[in-house]
Amino acid sequence: MKKLYIIIIPIFLLLFSNALFAQTWVLVNTVSNPGIGPSISVADMNTVWIADGSPNTPKIFRSVNGGVNFTQISVTGISQEIYCIWGTSSTNAFVGEGEVNGNARLFRTTNGGLNWISVVQTSANGGFFNGLAFTKATASVFGLAIAEKVFRTSNNGTTWIELNSGVNGVSNAHNSLMIIDNNFYGFGLNNGSARIRLTTDNANSWSNQQVNISGNNTSAIAFHSNKLLGVAATSTSLPVIARTIDGGLTWTNVNIGAGPTGNCSINWIPNTPVVYLMGANGIIKRSTNNGLTWITTPTSVVNLTHFDFVHAGNIIYGYAVSSNGSVIKLVDTLSVLTSNNNHNSETPKEFSLSQNYPNPFNPSTVIGFKLAVNSFASLKVYDLLGREVATLVNENLKAGTYEFDFDGNKLSSGVYYYKLTTGSFVETKKMILIK
């Protein structure tokens, strides 16, 4: 018997390890007739909310065990099909009524769906709710809901205020609403040239950012937590998306390759270089270098309509739902994804170390460098006294262009230096952390 246990335990550990590093989508469950466009929200690694339904027949489902089981939740008081959902915990969630052109309601539950309370209602011509978003990196305190108007909460959804965004009408895709923190948020516009509407000062002022891609319905936008790196797409721009490295001031085109088409959703994992994109045809791609290059993540389910992710330590948990009710799950290991962090394989002509951006920064910044040939590279950060405070790279890398995120959250304000050493090339630059 002892020998049997010695054999079984390693096999279990091997399977568990492979699951963590598999980085492929697997079918975990099916919900019954969710509707033609179900929306999904991942509150934590185990809690998943799904909602949609049909006109006059809303439906909500919830899993609290990582998709092993889904329970259909009561919708008492909700009368319309649900176009968006966001769960902040296993008990707290929000849903927005669709289908109608006005008097649509935003509902909240604080007891896992035992009952729902209307917290916001649009005017008679105020459209319907087609987007919800909360800050995942700051405990879901700040949130947005969007219809023809934008509504904002600063207390985890207890109360909401209407904002004057300066425009009427917004994109109706699931992922056209984006919020990083209390000050930085925006949404896609659905008319004119491809644009996003963005505020960097908590709606005191707004600006239209031209994203310079084809199409006029900007159906998806996402930003890195540093508020500088961002990506956007329209309903007709794929395989081309727009990318910014300066907070939306300028945008360049990136071809993500064949696969996804139509309206897409984009989800940026907070404080990481990892971004996911799903087309209207259900094909999903992933970038591990802040949107520079993309690969397809295999799926076996068709008619996917929406996806969402949560980041817990070194593991990224993703869930996607299909109009036929299939729910698929992805478990990505962050350290594996970023082992060749932010690599663009186009070979540079020379070695170089770029100035970090932003600079000054608080608390994160991006450091880039170029390798002309395959090299052993060391990228380290030092304080003003020359003491090493972080090692970002210390390995053999292929020739190419790299970008690495540096998080100074645990460091004090001050001057720091970062040094790239590769073969005979050595260069050092200064950066400033201001908290």
Protein backbone atom coordinates (compact mmCIF):
# COMPACT_ATOMS: atom_id res chain seq x y z
CA MET A 1 0.00 0.00 0.00
CA LYS A 2 2.81 2.42 0.75
CA LYS A 3 4.23 1.90 -2.72
CA LEU A 4 0.82 2.61 -4.22
CA TYR A 5 0.61 5.96 -2.43
CA ILE A 6 4.13 6.88 -3.50
CA ILE A 7 3.07 6.39 -7.13
CA ILE A 8 -0.30 8.14 -6.89
CA ILE A 9 0.89 11.31 -5.22
CA PRO A 10 3.50 12.24 -7.86
CA ILE A 11 0.94 11.58 -10.63
CA PHE A 12 -1.54 13.89 -8.92
CA LEU A 13 1.09 16.57 -8.50
CA LEU A 14 2.13 16.20 -12.12
CA LEU A 15 -1.44 16.58 -13.31
CA PHE A 16 -1.97 19.57 -11.06
CA SER A 17 1.24 21.17 -12.32
CA ASN A 18 0.25 20.55 -15.93
CA ALA A 19 -3.12 22.14 -15.28
CA LEU A 20 -1.44 25.29 -14.00
CA PHE A 21 0.91 25.50 -16.95
CA ALA A 22 -1.42 24.16 -19.67
CA GLN A 23 -2.53 27.61 -20.84
CA THR A 24 -5.43 26.27 -22.88
CA TRP A 25 -9.19 26.61 -22.50
CA VAL A 26 -11.16 23.62 -21.20
CA LEU A 27 -14.92 23.03 -20.98
CA VAL A 28 -16.00 23.08 -17.33
CA ASN A 29 -19.80 23.21 -17.44
CA THR A 30 -22.97 24.22 -19.31
CA VAL A 31 -25.77 26.55 -18.27
CA SER A 32 -29.26 26.09 -19.67
CA ASN A 33 -30.34 28.38 -22.53
CA PRO A 34 -28.57 31.54 -21.31
CA GLY A 35 -29.67 33.69 -24.29
CA ILE A 36 -28.07 34.79 -27.54
CA GLY A 37 -25.52 37.14 -25.98
CA PRO A 38 -24.71 36.13 -22.41
CA SER A 39 -22.32 38.29 -20.40
CA ILE A 40 -19.90 36.85 -17.84
CA SER A 41 -18.14 38.31 -14.80
CA VAL A 42 -15.40 36.69 -12.71
CA ALA A 43 -15.36 37.99 -9.14
CA ASP A 44 -12.60 35.71 -7.85
CA MET A 45 -10.95 32.42 -8.79
CA ASN A 46 -14.07 30.48 -7.75
CA THR A 47 -16.96 32.93 -8.27
CA VAL A 48 -18.44 33.37 -11.74
CA TRP A 49 -21.64 35.22 -12.68
CA ILE A 50 -23.47 34.84 -16.03
CA ALA A 51 -26.52 36.78 -17.22
CA ASP A 52 -28.68 37.36 -20.31
CA GLY A 53 -31.99 35.71 -21.15
CA SER A 54 -34.55 36.86 -23.70
CA PRO A 55 -37.08 39.74 -23.84
CA ASN A 56 -39.15 39.72 -20.64
CA THR A 57 -37.29 36.60 -19.48
CA PRO A 58 -34.02 37.54 -17.77
CA LYS A 59 -31.63 34.82 -16.60
CA ILE A 60 -28.77 34.83 -14.08
CA PHE A 61 -26.42 31.99 -13.12
CA ARG A 62 -23.67 31.76 -10.51
CA SER A 63 -20.87 29.37 -9.63
CA VAL A 64 -18.96 29.55 -6.34
CA ASN A 65 -16.69 26.54 -6.96
CA GLY A 66 -14.74 27.45 -10.07
CA GLY A 67 -17.40 26.38 -12.57
CA VAL A 68 -17.92 22.88 -11.23
CA ASN A 69 -21.58 23.73 -10.57
CA PHE A 70 -23.77 26.63 -11.71
CA THR A 71 -27.01 27.59 -9.97
CA GLN A 72 -29.77 29.58 -11.64
CA ILE A 73 -30.38 32.67 -9.52
CA SER A 74 -33.71 34.33 -8.75
CA VAL A 75 -34.51 37.36 -10.94
CA THR A 76 -37.50 38.59 -8.93
CA GLY A 77 -38.13 42.26 -9.76
CA ILE A 78 -36.06 42.25 -12.96
CA SER A 79 -38.35 42.31 -15.98
CA GLN A 80 -36.07 42.74 -19.01
CA GLU A 81 -33.33 40.82 -20.72
CA ILE A 82 -29.96 41.53 -19.07
CA TYR A 83 -27.23 43.03 -21.26
CA CYS A 84 -24.43 43.27 -18.70
CA ILE A 85 -23.37 41.87 -15.34
CA TRP A 86 -20.56 42.50 -12.87
CA GLY A 87 -19.91 40.53 -9.70
CA THR A 88 -17.59 41.96 -7.05
CA SER A 89 -17.90 38.95 -4.73
CA SER A 90 -19.88 35.75 -4.30
CA THR A 91 -22.74 37.74 -2.78
CA ASN A 92 -22.48 41.21 -4.36
CA ALA A 93 -23.34 41.73 -8.03
CA PHE A 94 -24.94 44.18 -10.46
CA VAL A 95 -27.01 43.64 -13.62
CA GLY A 96 -28.29 46.12 -16.19
CA GLU A 97 -31.55 45.78 -18.09
CA GLY A 98 -31.43 45.87 -21.88
CA GLU A 99 -33.98 45.50 -24.67
CA VAL A 100 -35.90 48.72 -23.79
CA ASN A 101 -35.15 52.25 -25.03
CA GLY A 102 -35.71 53.93 -21.69
CA ASN A 103 -36.63 53.43 -18.04
CA ALA A 104 -34.03 50.67 -17.86
CA ARG A 105 -32.86 49.75 -14.37
CA LEU A 106 -29.55 48.82 -12.83
CA PHE A 107 -30.00 46.25 -10.06
CA ARG A 108 -27.82 45.18 -7.16
CA THR A 109 -27.83 42.13 -4.93
CA THR A 110 -25.90 41.87 -1.68
CA ASN A 111 -27.06 38.38 -0.74
CA GLY A 112 -26.11 36.23 -3.70
CA GLY A 113 -29.30 36.92 -5.67
CA LEU A 114 -31.92 36.19 -3.04
CA ASN A 115 -33.29 39.60 -3.93
CA TRP A 116 -32.37 42.47 -6.27
CA ILE A 117 -32.75 46.19 -5.60
CA SER A 118 -32.93 48.88 -8.28
CA VAL A 119 -30.15 51.42 -7.68
CA VAL A 120 -30.34 53.47 -10.91
CA GLN A 121 -32.98 54.04 -13.58
CA THR A 122 -32.57 55.76 -16.93
CA SER A 123 -34.99 58.38 -18.22
CA ALA A 124 -37.85 57.60 -20.60
CA ASN A 125 -35.54 58.05 -23.61
CA GLY A 126 -32.36 57.13 -21.74
CA GLY A 127 -31.63 53.88 -23.50
CA PHE A 128 -30.61 50.65 -21.80
CA PHE A 129 -27.62 49.49 -19.79
CA ASN A 130 -24.98 47.93 -22.02
CA GLY A 131 -21.86 48.07 -19.91
CA LEU A 132 -20.58 47.64 -16.36
CA ALA A 133 -17.03 47.91 -15.07
CA PHE A 134 -15.40 48.10 -11.65
CA THR A 135 -11.78 48.57 -10.64
CA LYS A 136 -10.31 45.12 -10.09
CA ALA A 137 -6.98 46.40 -8.81
CA THR A 138 -8.52 48.51 -6.03
CA ALA A 139 -11.03 46.22 -4.36
CA SER A 140 -13.92 47.14 -6.70
CA VAL A 141 -14.63 50.39 -4.86
CA PHE A 142 -15.09 52.48 -8.00
CA GLY A 143 -17.44 51.45 -10.78
CA LEU A 144 -19.20 52.64 -13.92
CA ALA A 145 -22.46 51.75 -15.60
CA ILE A 146 -23.30 53.03 -19.05
CA ALA A 147 -26.50 53.58 -21.00
CA GLU A 148 -27.02 56.80 -22.97
CA LYS A 149 -25.49 58.38 -19.88
CA VAL A 150 -22.59 57.34 -17.65
CA PHE A 151 -23.20 56.56 -13.98
CA ARG A 152 -20.47 56.27 -11.39
CA THR A 153 -20.11 54.85 -7.89
CA SER A 154 -17.36 55.48 -5.32
CA ASN A 155 -18.61 53.13 -2.60
CA ASN A 156 -18.82 49.68 -4.19
CA GLY A 157 -22.20 50.36 -5.77
CA THR A 158 -24.18 51.59 -2.79
CA THR A 159 -24.92 54.94 -4.42
CA TRP A 160 -24.52 56.20 -8.01
CA ILE A 161 -24.29 59.62 -9.63
CA GLU A 162 -24.88 60.61 -13.25
CA LEU A 163 -21.86 62.06 -15.04
CA ASN A 164 -21.84 64.57 -17.86
CA SER A 165 -19.55 62.95 -20.41
CA GLY A 166 -20.29 65.55 -23.06
CA VAL A 167 -21.65 63.10 -25.63
CA ASN A 168 -24.89 61.24 -26.30
CA GLY A 169 -24.77 57.60 -27.36
CA VAL A 170 -21.97 55.13 -26.77
CA SER A 171 -20.73 51.86 -28.16
CA ASN A 172 -22.95 48.93 -27.26
CA ALA A 173 -20.28 46.23 -27.10
CA HIS A 174 -19.63 44.49 -23.78
CA ASN A 175 -16.07 45.67 -23.34
CA SER A 176 -16.27 49.27 -24.55
CA LEU A 177 -16.27 50.54 -20.96
CA MET A 178 -12.95 50.78 -19.12
CA ILE A 179 -11.94 51.99 -15.65
CA ILE A 180 -8.47 51.93 -14.10
CA ASP A 181 -9.07 53.98 -10.96
CA ASN A 182 -11.06 56.87 -9.51
CA ASN A 183 -9.67 59.30 -12.09
CA PHE A 184 -8.92 57.36 -15.29
CA TYR A 185 -11.77 55.81 -17.28
CA GLY A 186 -13.48 55.92 -20.67
CA PHE A 187 -15.61 54.24 -23.30
CA GLY A 188 -15.87 53.70 -27.06
CA LEU A 189 -17.92 55.96 -29.33
CA ASN A 190 -20.15 54.48 -32.02
CA ASN A 191 -20.24 57.25 -34.61
CA GLY A 192 -17.77 59.19 -36.72
CA SER A 193 -14.15 58.10 -36.90
CA ALA A 194 -12.79 55.49 -34.51
CA ARG A 195 -12.55 57.24 -31.14
CA ILE A 196 -12.64 56.73 -27.41
CA ARG A 197 -14.00 59.18 -24.87
CA LEU A 198 -11.50 59.46 -22.01
CA THR A 199 -11.15 61.28 -18.71
CA THR A 200 -7.99 61.41 -16.61
CA ASP A 201 -9.36 63.64 -13.83
CA ASN A 202 -12.55 61.96 -12.61
CA ALA A 203 -14.86 63.49 -15.25
CA ASN A 204 -13.86 67.08 -14.59
CA SER A 205 -12.82 67.08 -18.25
CA TRP A 206 -13.15 64.66 -21.17
CA SER A 207 -11.32 64.29 -24.47
CA ASN A 208 -11.93 62.41 -27.70
CA GLN A 209 -8.94 60.23 -28.57
CA GLN A 210 -8.64 59.34 -32.27
CA VAL A 211 -7.42 55.73 -32.32
CA ASN A 212 -6.53 55.78 -36.03
CA ILE A 213 -8.01 52.49 -37.22
CA SER A 214 -10.82 51.71 -39.65
CA GLY A 215 -14.45 51.66 -38.57
CA ASN A 216 -16.67 53.97 -36.55
CA ASN A 217 -17.88 51.72 -33.73
CA THR A 218 -15.07 51.49 -31.17
CA SER A 219 -16.25 48.30 -29.55
CA ALA A 220 -13.36 47.53 -27.21
CA ILE A 221 -10.73 49.42 -25.23
CA ALA A 222 -8.39 48.36 -22.44
CA PHE A 223 -5.51 50.01 -20.57
CA HIS A 224 -2.60 48.85 -18.46
CA SER A 225 -2.71 49.90 -14.80
CA ASN A 226 0.05 52.45 -15.54
CA LYS A 227 -2.50 54.40 -17.67
CA LEU A 228 0.01 54.76 -20.52
CA LEU A 229 -0.25 51.50 -22.42
CA GLY A 230 -3.59 50.83 -24.09
CA VAL A 231 -5.28 49.01 -26.97
CA ALA A 232 -8.53 49.55 -28.86
CA ALA A 233 -10.49 47.99 -31.72
CA THR A 234 -13.60 48.72 -33.76
CA SER A 235 -16.25 46.31 -35.01
CA THR A 236 -14.54 46.20 -38.42
CA SER A 237 -10.84 46.84 -37.72
CA LEU A 238 -9.64 43.30 -36.99
CA PRO A 239 -7.03 41.93 -37.52
CA VAL A 240 -5.76 45.46 -36.90
CA ILE A 241 -6.01 47.07 -33.48
CA ALA A 242 -4.73 50.40 -32.20
CA ARG A 243 -2.05 50.68 -29.50
CA THR A 244 -0.87 53.62 -27.41
CA ILE A 245 2.14 54.01 -25.11
CA ASP A 246 1.41 57.58 -24.00
CA GLY A 247 -2.00 57.40 -22.39
CA GLY A 248 -3.98 57.78 -25.62
CA LEU A 249 -2.30 60.87 -27.04
CA THR A 250 -1.02 58.92 -30.04
CA TRP A 251 -1.93 55.52 -31.45
CA THR A 252 -0.22 53.10 -33.83
CA ASN A 253 -1.57 50.09 -35.70
CA VAL A 254 -0.80 46.50 -34.66
CA ASN A 255 -1.80 43.51 -36.79
CA ILE A 256 -2.70 40.69 -34.41
CA GLY A 257 -2.92 38.08 -37.17
CA ALA A 258 -5.74 35.95 -38.54
CA GLY A 259 -8.48 34.59 -36.32
CA PRO A 260 -10.80 36.94 -34.40
CA THR A 261 -13.34 38.96 -36.39
CA GLY A 262 -16.13 41.46 -35.74
CA ASN A 263 -16.95 43.12 -32.43
CA CYS A 264 -14.33 42.06 -29.92
CA SER A 265 -13.75 42.16 -26.19
CA ILE A 266 -10.35 43.07 -24.73
CA ASN A 267 -9.30 42.35 -21.17
CA TRP A 268 -6.01 43.63 -19.68
CA ILE A 269 -4.85 41.80 -16.55
CA PRO A 270 -4.08 44.53 -13.96
CA ASN A 271 -0.41 45.31 -13.28
CA THR A 272 0.83 42.78 -15.86
CA PRO A 273 1.81 42.85 -19.55
CA VAL A 274 -0.85 40.20 -20.34
CA VAL A 275 -3.82 41.10 -22.56
CA TYR A 276 -6.60 38.88 -23.98
CA LEU A 277 -8.80 39.58 -27.02
CA MET A 278 -11.88 37.66 -28.18
CA GLY A 279 -13.60 38.21 -31.52
CA ALA A 280 -17.30 37.96 -32.24
CA ASN A 281 -16.55 34.54 -33.76
CA GLY A 282 -15.26 33.31 -30.39
CA ILE A 283 -11.58 33.05 -31.31
CA ILE A 284 -9.33 34.21 -28.46
CA LYS A 285 -5.81 35.64 -28.66
CA ARG A 286 -3.32 36.54 -25.97
CA SER A 287 -0.47 39.03 -25.80
CA THR A 288 2.20 38.80 -23.11
CA ASN A 289 4.05 41.95 -24.16
CA ASN A 290 1.54 44.76 -23.65
CA GLY A 291 -0.24 44.21 -26.96
CA LEU A 292 2.82 44.11 -29.25
CA THR A 293 2.46 40.52 -30.49
CA TRP A 294 -0.37 37.99 -30.22
CA ILE A 295 -0.93 34.23 -30.33
CA THR A 296 -4.15 32.20 -30.51
CA THR A 297 -5.24 30.31 -27.37
CA PRO A 298 -6.97 27.07 -28.44
CA THR A 299 -10.68 26.62 -27.67
CA SER A 300 -13.06 23.80 -28.55
CA VAL A 301 -16.30 25.80 -28.08
CA VAL A 302 -18.02 27.91 -30.73
CA ASN A 303 -20.34 30.92 -30.41
CA LEU A 304 -18.48 32.43 -27.47
CA THR A 305 -19.97 35.82 -26.59
CA HIS A 306 -18.00 37.21 -23.64
CA PHE A 307 -15.08 36.51 -21.32
CA ASP A 308 -13.59 37.82 -18.10
CA PHE A 309 -10.51 37.25 -15.94
CA VAL A 310 -9.19 37.58 -12.41
CA HIS A 311 -5.58 37.63 -11.27
CA ALA A 312 -4.70 35.80 -8.04
CA GLY A 313 -1.00 35.77 -7.19
CA ASN A 314 0.91 34.03 -9.98
CA ILE A 315 -2.21 32.57 -11.59
CA ILE A 316 -4.66 34.13 -14.07
CA TYR A 317 -8.15 32.57 -14.14
CA GLY A 318 -10.30 33.18 -17.21
CA TYR A 319 -13.86 32.14 -18.02
CA ALA A 320 -15.84 32.49 -21.25
CA VAL A 321 -19.46 31.74 -22.07
CA SER A 322 -21.17 30.68 -25.28
CA SER A 323 -24.70 31.34 -26.52
CA ASN A 324 -25.31 27.58 -26.33
CA GLY A 325 -24.49 27.67 -22.61
CA SER A 326 -20.99 26.20 -22.69
CA VAL A 327 -18.61 27.66 -20.11
CA ILE A 328 -14.88 27.29 -20.67
CA LYS A 329 -12.05 28.02 -18.26
CA LEU A 330 -8.42 29.05 -18.65
CA VAL A 331 -5.71 28.77 -15.99
CA ASP A 332 -2.62 30.73 -17.06
CA THR A 333 0.57 30.87 -15.03
CA LEU A 334 1.90 34.41 -15.11
CA SER A 335 5.56 33.54 -14.59
CA VAL A 336 5.42 31.14 -17.55
CA LEU A 337 3.66 33.65 -19.79
CA THR A 338 6.22 36.33 -19.05
CA SER A 339 9.37 34.19 -18.99
CA ASN A 340 10.29 35.92 -22.23
CA ASN A 341 8.46 39.02 -21.07
CA ASN A 342 7.31 41.46 -23.71
CA HIS A 343 9.41 40.15 -26.59
CA ASN A 344 9.14 41.48 -30.13
CA SER A 345 11.17 39.15 -32.36
CA GLU A 346 12.03 41.72 -35.05
CA THR A 347 15.83 41.96 -34.86
CA PRO A 348 17.17 45.42 -33.97
CA LYS A 349 20.32 46.71 -35.64
CA GLU A 350 22.02 47.59 -32.35
CA PHE A 351 21.88 47.19 -28.58
CA SER A 352 20.08 49.94 -26.67
CA LEU A 353 18.44 50.73 -23.35
CA SER A 354 15.40 53.00 -23.46
CA GLN A 355 14.31 55.62 -20.96
CA ASN A 356 11.60 54.22 -18.74
CA TYR A 357 8.05 55.52 -19.14
CA PRO A 358 6.42 57.17 -17.38
CA ASN A 359 9.22 59.02 -15.61
CA PRO A 360 8.69 60.15 -12.88
CA PHE A 361 6.38 57.23 -12.03
CA ASN A 362 4.05 56.01 -9.27
CA PRO A 363 4.20 53.13 -8.58
CA SER A 364 4.89 51.27 -11.86
CA THR A 365 6.86 52.02 -15.00
CA VAL A 366 8.00 50.25 -18.17
CA ILE A 367 11.66 49.65 -19.06
CA GLY A 368 12.55 48.66 -22.62
CA PHE A 369 15.72 47.52 -24.35
CA LYS A 370 16.90 46.04 -27.65
CA LEU A 371 19.22 43.09 -28.30
CA ALA A 372 20.94 42.91 -31.67
CA VAL A 373 21.90 39.24 -31.21
CA ASN A 374 20.96 36.38 -28.90
CA SER A 375 22.56 37.29 -25.57
CA PHE A 376 22.65 36.69 -21.85
CA ALA A 377 20.99 39.82 -20.47
CA SER A 378 20.90 41.27 -16.97
CA LEU A 379 18.55 44.13 -16.11
CA LYS A 380 18.76 45.30 -12.50
CA VAL A 381 17.50 48.25 -10.48
CA TYR A 382 19.62 50.04 -7.86
CA ASP A 383 18.92 52.73 -5.29
CA LEU A 384 20.89 55.95 -4.96
CA LEU A 385 23.49 54.22 -2.76
CA GLY A 386 24.11 51.53 -5.35
CA ARG A 387 22.24 48.78 -3.54
CA GLU A 388 20.39 46.33 -5.76
CA VAL A 389 16.63 46.53 -5.17
CA ALA A 390 15.28 44.41 -8.04
CA THR A 391 16.35 42.00 -10.77
CA LEU A 392 14.03 42.16 -13.77
CA VAL A 393 16.06 39.99 -16.16
CA ASN A 394 18.92 37.55 -15.62
CA GLU A 395 18.79 34.99 -18.44
CA ASN A 396 19.54 34.16 -22.05
CA LEU A 397 17.26 36.06 -24.43
CA LYS A 398 16.73 35.96 -28.16
CA ALA A 399 17.52 38.99 -30.30
CA GLY A 400 14.61 41.42 -30.28
CA THR A 401 12.88 44.26 -28.50
CA TYR A 402 11.73 43.81 -24.90
CA GLU A 403 9.60 45.72 -22.41
CA PHE A 404 9.44 44.93 -18.70
CA ASP A 405 7.14 46.30 -16.02
CA PHE A 406 8.83 47.51 -12.83
CA ASP A 407 6.65 47.87 -9.75
CA GLY A 408 8.01 50.29 -7.13
CA ASN A 409 5.08 49.85 -4.79
CA LYS A 410 7.30 48.61 -1.94
CA LEU A 411 10.00 51.24 -2.44
CA SER A 412 10.32 54.76 -1.07
CA SER A 413 10.18 57.87 -3.21
CA GLY A 414 13.51 58.84 -4.70
CA VAL A 415 16.04 58.39 -7.48
CA TYR A 416 16.79 54.91 -8.78
CA TYR A 417 19.04 53.57 -11.53
CA TYR A 418 18.46 50.65 -13.88
CA LYS A 419 21.34 48.92 -15.62
CA LEU A 420 21.38 46.65 -18.67
CA THR A 421 24.38 44.35 -19.07
CA THR A 422 24.68 42.06 -22.06
CA GLY A 423 28.07 40.93 -23.35
CA SER A 424 30.24 43.99 -23.82
CA PHE A 425 27.23 46.34 -23.85
CA VAL A 426 26.50 48.08 -20.54
CA GLU A 427 24.20 51.07 -20.07
CA THR A 428 22.61 52.73 -17.05
CA LYS A 429 19.73 55.22 -16.86
CA LYS A 430 18.08 57.17 -14.06
CA MET A 431 14.42 57.10 -13.05
CA ILE A 432 12.44 58.84 -10.34
CA LEU A 433 9.74 57.32 -8.11
CA ILE A 434 7.32 59.87 -6.62
CA LYS A 435 4.62 58.77 -4.21
